[in-house]
Amino acid sequence: MTEPWLKRWREGKIGWHEAEGNLSLHKYWTECGKRVLVPLCGKTVDLIWLEHQGNEVVGIELSEIAVKAFFDENKIAYSLIEGALTGYVAKDRSITIYCGDFFEFTEGPFDAYYDRGALIAMPTGVRKAYVKHAKSLLTPNAAQLIISLEYDDTIATGPPFSIPAREVLAYWPNLERVHAHDDIDNGPPKFRKAGLDEMIEVVWRSQEGGL
């Protein structure tokens, strides 16, 4: 599944990118002083917002184009560290992005986790493995904020994929559904072209008691 995503970045077809960041993150994130894991982060400015809240932020991104764009567009100097995945370490900032396959990343542990674009990018057959690997990187009581989508996938198909509540809770039983709103205006053009008129963005947040 890696090549289609790399191709999208090469062609600039990144309709999922939110230039101003995710508003639900701003409203529902409450953590400070955490080490935050952000899988499949793209070039999101959410990384900067999370750092401004007093966190150390680590993103994982497949596309080198996206990683370099994050630093260039936000005028953040960086240095490189070599390893299984190359790390782009911001100078004078608590932000690092590792470039490569998320499943090869092992630099845990993290006590907080933010997922807006990873779970919904995973096909059905990959999600369980994705969640298992994510959990292996988190501490038992890690704070979580996960954003999913719900829509009629008989009309349109992902990515991003529709994931029903029962499936999200099967992966992460300790999550609480704290907000939902229709976000079809920010949905992929292909969805509206197919006739989809509603796409619900759902915000899930961890409760006390761990993963």
Protein backbone atom coordinates (compact mmCIF):
# COMPACT_ATOMS: atom_id res chain seq x y z
CA MET A 1 0.00 0.00 0.00
CA THR A 2 3.04 2.28 0.14
CA GLU A 3 3.46 3.16 -3.54
CA PRO A 4 0.00 4.76 -4.02
CA TRP A 5 0.67 7.14 -1.11
CA LEU A 6 4.14 8.04 -2.38
CA LYS A 7 2.63 8.68 -5.81
CA ARG A 8 0.04 11.04 -4.29
CA TRP A 9 2.78 13.09 -2.66
CA ARG A 10 4.78 13.19 -5.89
CA GLU A 11 1.72 14.43 -7.78
CA GLY A 12 0.58 16.82 -5.05
CA LYS A 13 -2.72 14.98 -4.59
CA ILE A 14 -2.96 15.51 -0.84
CA GLY A 15 -6.57 16.50 -0.29
CA TRP A 16 -6.42 15.17 3.28
CA HIS A 17 -3.93 17.86 4.33
CA GLU A 18 -5.42 20.56 6.59
CA ALA A 19 -3.41 23.74 6.15
CA GLU A 20 -4.59 25.23 9.44
CA GLY A 21 -4.41 21.98 11.38
CA ASN A 22 -7.26 19.98 12.84
CA LEU A 23 -9.79 21.98 14.87
CA SER A 24 -10.91 18.95 16.86
CA LEU A 25 -7.34 18.47 18.06
CA HIS A 26 -7.27 22.06 19.30
CA LYS A 27 -10.55 21.61 21.14
CA TYR A 28 -10.15 18.17 22.70
CA TRP A 29 -6.42 17.69 23.33
CA THR A 30 -5.54 18.37 26.99
CA GLU A 31 -2.08 16.82 27.44
CA CYS A 32 1.13 18.67 28.35
CA GLY A 33 4.59 17.33 29.10
CA LYS A 34 4.08 14.14 27.10
CA ARG A 35 6.06 12.33 24.42
CA VAL A 36 3.51 12.23 21.61
CA LEU A 37 3.48 9.72 18.75
CA VAL A 38 1.88 10.94 15.50
CA PRO A 39 1.79 8.17 12.86
CA LEU A 40 1.50 8.97 9.15
CA CYS A 41 1.82 12.66 9.98
CA GLY A 42 2.38 14.05 6.48
CA LYS A 43 3.37 17.70 6.76
CA THR A 44 0.69 18.63 9.26
CA VAL A 45 1.09 21.75 11.38
CA ASP A 46 -0.58 19.74 14.15
CA LEU A 47 2.97 18.76 15.09
CA ILE A 48 3.78 22.39 15.86
CA TRP A 49 0.54 22.91 17.77
CA LEU A 50 1.19 19.84 19.93
CA GLU A 51 4.71 21.06 20.67
CA HIS A 52 3.36 24.47 21.67
CA GLN A 53 1.31 22.68 24.34
CA GLY A 54 4.57 21.62 26.00
CA ASN A 55 5.01 18.18 24.45
CA GLU A 56 7.86 16.36 22.73
CA VAL A 57 6.42 15.38 19.36
CA VAL A 58 7.54 12.50 17.12
CA GLY A 59 5.94 11.97 13.73
CA ILE A 60 6.33 9.04 11.37
CA GLU A 61 5.89 9.68 7.66
CA LEU A 62 6.46 7.50 4.60
CA SER A 63 7.13 10.28 2.10
CA GLU A 64 10.41 12.20 2.15
CA ILE A 65 8.65 14.90 0.12
CA ALA A 66 6.19 15.44 2.98
CA VAL A 67 8.88 15.48 5.66
CA LYS A 68 11.05 18.04 3.87
CA ALA A 69 7.97 20.14 3.06
CA PHE A 70 7.07 20.31 6.76
CA PHE A 71 10.43 21.75 7.71
CA ASP A 72 10.76 24.01 4.65
CA GLU A 73 7.25 25.46 4.77
CA ASN A 74 7.48 26.18 8.49
CA LYS A 75 11.07 27.49 8.23
CA ILE A 76 12.37 25.02 10.82
CA ALA A 77 16.02 24.03 10.63
CA TYR A 78 16.81 20.37 11.20
CA SER A 79 19.60 17.83 11.43
CA LEU A 80 19.57 14.18 10.36
CA ILE A 81 20.10 11.05 12.42
CA GLU A 82 20.59 7.69 10.76
CA GLY A 83 18.91 4.48 11.82
CA ALA A 84 16.31 2.00 10.62
CA LEU A 85 14.37 5.15 9.66
CA THR A 86 16.11 8.46 9.01
CA GLY A 87 15.20 11.00 11.68
CA TYR A 88 14.73 14.68 10.87
CA VAL A 89 15.34 16.45 14.17
CA ALA A 90 14.24 20.06 14.51
CA LYS A 91 16.88 22.42 15.85
CA ASP A 92 15.71 24.35 18.93
CA ARG A 93 12.31 22.60 18.77
CA SER A 94 10.96 19.41 20.34
CA ILE A 95 9.85 17.92 17.02
CA THR A 96 11.30 14.93 15.17
CA ILE A 97 9.94 13.20 12.07
CA TYR A 98 11.15 9.74 11.12
CA CYS A 99 10.87 8.98 7.43
CA GLY A 100 9.94 5.47 6.38
CA ASP A 101 7.60 2.56 7.04
CA PHE A 102 5.68 2.93 10.32
CA PHE A 103 5.91 -0.83 10.87
CA GLU A 104 9.71 -0.54 11.02
CA PHE A 105 9.67 2.19 13.67
CA THR A 106 10.62 0.98 17.16
CA GLU A 107 11.72 4.12 19.03
CA GLY A 108 9.19 3.95 21.88
CA PRO A 109 7.86 4.33 24.44
CA PHE A 110 5.34 7.15 24.12
CA ASP A 111 2.87 8.29 26.75
CA ALA A 112 0.56 10.07 24.30
CA TYR A 113 -0.78 9.30 20.84
CA TYR A 114 -2.55 11.39 18.20
CA ASP A 115 -3.99 9.75 15.08
CA ARG A 116 -5.93 11.79 12.54
CA GLY A 117 -4.85 10.23 9.28
CA ALA A 118 -3.35 6.80 9.96
CA LEU A 119 -6.13 4.43 11.02
CA ILE A 120 -8.50 5.76 8.37
CA ALA A 121 -5.80 5.28 5.72
CA MET A 122 -5.43 1.58 6.48
CA PRO A 123 -7.38 -1.01 4.46
CA THR A 124 -9.41 -3.48 6.50
CA GLY A 125 -6.80 -6.23 6.30
CA VAL A 126 -4.01 -4.02 7.65
CA ARG A 127 -5.73 -2.26 10.56
CA LYS A 128 -5.24 -4.95 13.20
CA ALA A 129 -1.51 -5.11 12.49
CA TYR A 130 -1.32 -1.32 12.54
CA VAL A 131 -3.04 -1.07 15.93
CA LYS A 132 -0.90 -3.88 17.36
CA HIS A 133 2.28 -2.09 16.35
CA ALA A 134 1.02 1.26 17.64
CA LYS A 135 0.20 -0.30 21.01
CA SER A 136 3.70 -1.78 21.20
CA LEU A 137 5.07 1.77 21.14
CA LEU A 138 2.80 3.16 23.89
CA THR A 139 2.93 3.05 27.66
CA PRO A 140 0.00 1.25 29.37
CA ASN A 141 -1.67 4.53 30.38
CA ALA A 142 -0.89 6.54 27.26
CA ALA A 143 -3.29 9.40 26.51
CA GLN A 144 -4.97 9.06 23.11
CA LEU A 145 -6.85 11.23 20.67
CA ILE A 146 -8.01 9.42 17.55
CA ILE A 147 -10.09 10.84 14.74
CA SER A 148 -12.11 8.49 12.55
CA LEU A 149 -14.63 8.88 9.74
CA GLU A 150 -18.09 7.39 9.29
CA TYR A 151 -19.91 7.49 5.95
CA ASP A 152 -21.95 5.28 3.65
CA ASP A 153 -19.25 3.21 1.95
CA THR A 154 -21.79 1.69 -0.43
CA ILE A 155 -21.81 5.11 -2.12
CA ALA A 156 -18.10 5.96 -1.92
CA THR A 157 -15.00 4.06 -0.90
CA GLY A 158 -11.74 5.13 0.68
CA PRO A 159 -9.14 5.92 1.43
CA PRO A 160 -9.86 7.56 3.74
CA PHE A 161 -11.96 4.65 4.96
CA SER A 162 -15.17 4.64 6.97
CA ILE A 163 -14.65 2.85 10.28
CA PRO A 164 -17.73 2.11 12.40
CA ALA A 165 -17.68 2.74 16.13
CA ARG A 166 -17.75 -0.96 17.01
CA GLU A 167 -14.53 -1.52 15.06
CA VAL A 168 -12.74 1.44 16.66
CA LEU A 169 -13.73 0.18 20.11
CA ALA A 170 -12.65 -3.35 19.26
CA TYR A 171 -9.15 -1.97 18.72
CA TRP A 172 -9.16 0.58 21.54
CA PRO A 173 -11.79 -0.41 24.19
CA ASN A 174 -10.86 2.45 26.48
CA LEU A 175 -11.80 5.21 24.05
CA GLU A 176 -14.73 7.54 24.59
CA ARG A 177 -16.62 9.15 21.70
CA VAL A 178 -16.49 12.84 22.65
CA HIS A 179 -17.60 14.62 19.48
CA ALA A 180 -18.92 14.08 15.96
CA HIS A 181 -19.77 16.49 13.16
CA ASP A 182 -20.43 16.43 9.42
CA ASP A 183 -17.17 17.23 7.62
CA ILE A 184 -18.24 16.50 4.04
CA ASP A 185 -17.01 19.95 2.92
CA ASN A 186 -13.47 18.79 3.71
CA GLY A 187 -14.00 15.35 2.22
CA PRO A 188 -12.23 14.13 -0.91
CA PRO A 189 -13.79 15.49 -4.13
CA LYS A 190 -14.27 11.88 -5.26
CA PHE A 191 -16.73 11.37 -2.39
CA ARG A 192 -18.98 14.24 -3.40
CA LYS A 193 -18.67 13.27 -7.06
CA ALA A 194 -19.89 9.78 -6.16
CA GLY A 195 -22.97 11.30 -4.51
CA LEU A 196 -21.97 11.19 -0.85
CA ASP A 197 -23.59 14.07 1.04
CA GLU A 198 -22.49 13.30 4.61
CA MET A 199 -19.13 12.35 6.10
CA ILE A 200 -18.96 12.31 9.88
CA GLU A 201 -15.68 13.11 11.60
CA VAL A 202 -15.63 11.39 15.00
CA VAL A 203 -13.33 12.33 17.86
CA TRP A 204 -12.28 9.58 20.27
CA ARG A 205 -10.39 10.29 23.49
CA SER A 206 -8.94 7.92 26.05
CA GLN A 207 -10.54 7.47 29.45
CA GLU A 208 -8.77 6.60 32.69
CA GLY A 209 -7.49 3.07 32.96
CA GLY A 210 -5.04 2.57 30.12
CA LEU A 211 -5.20 0.98 26.68
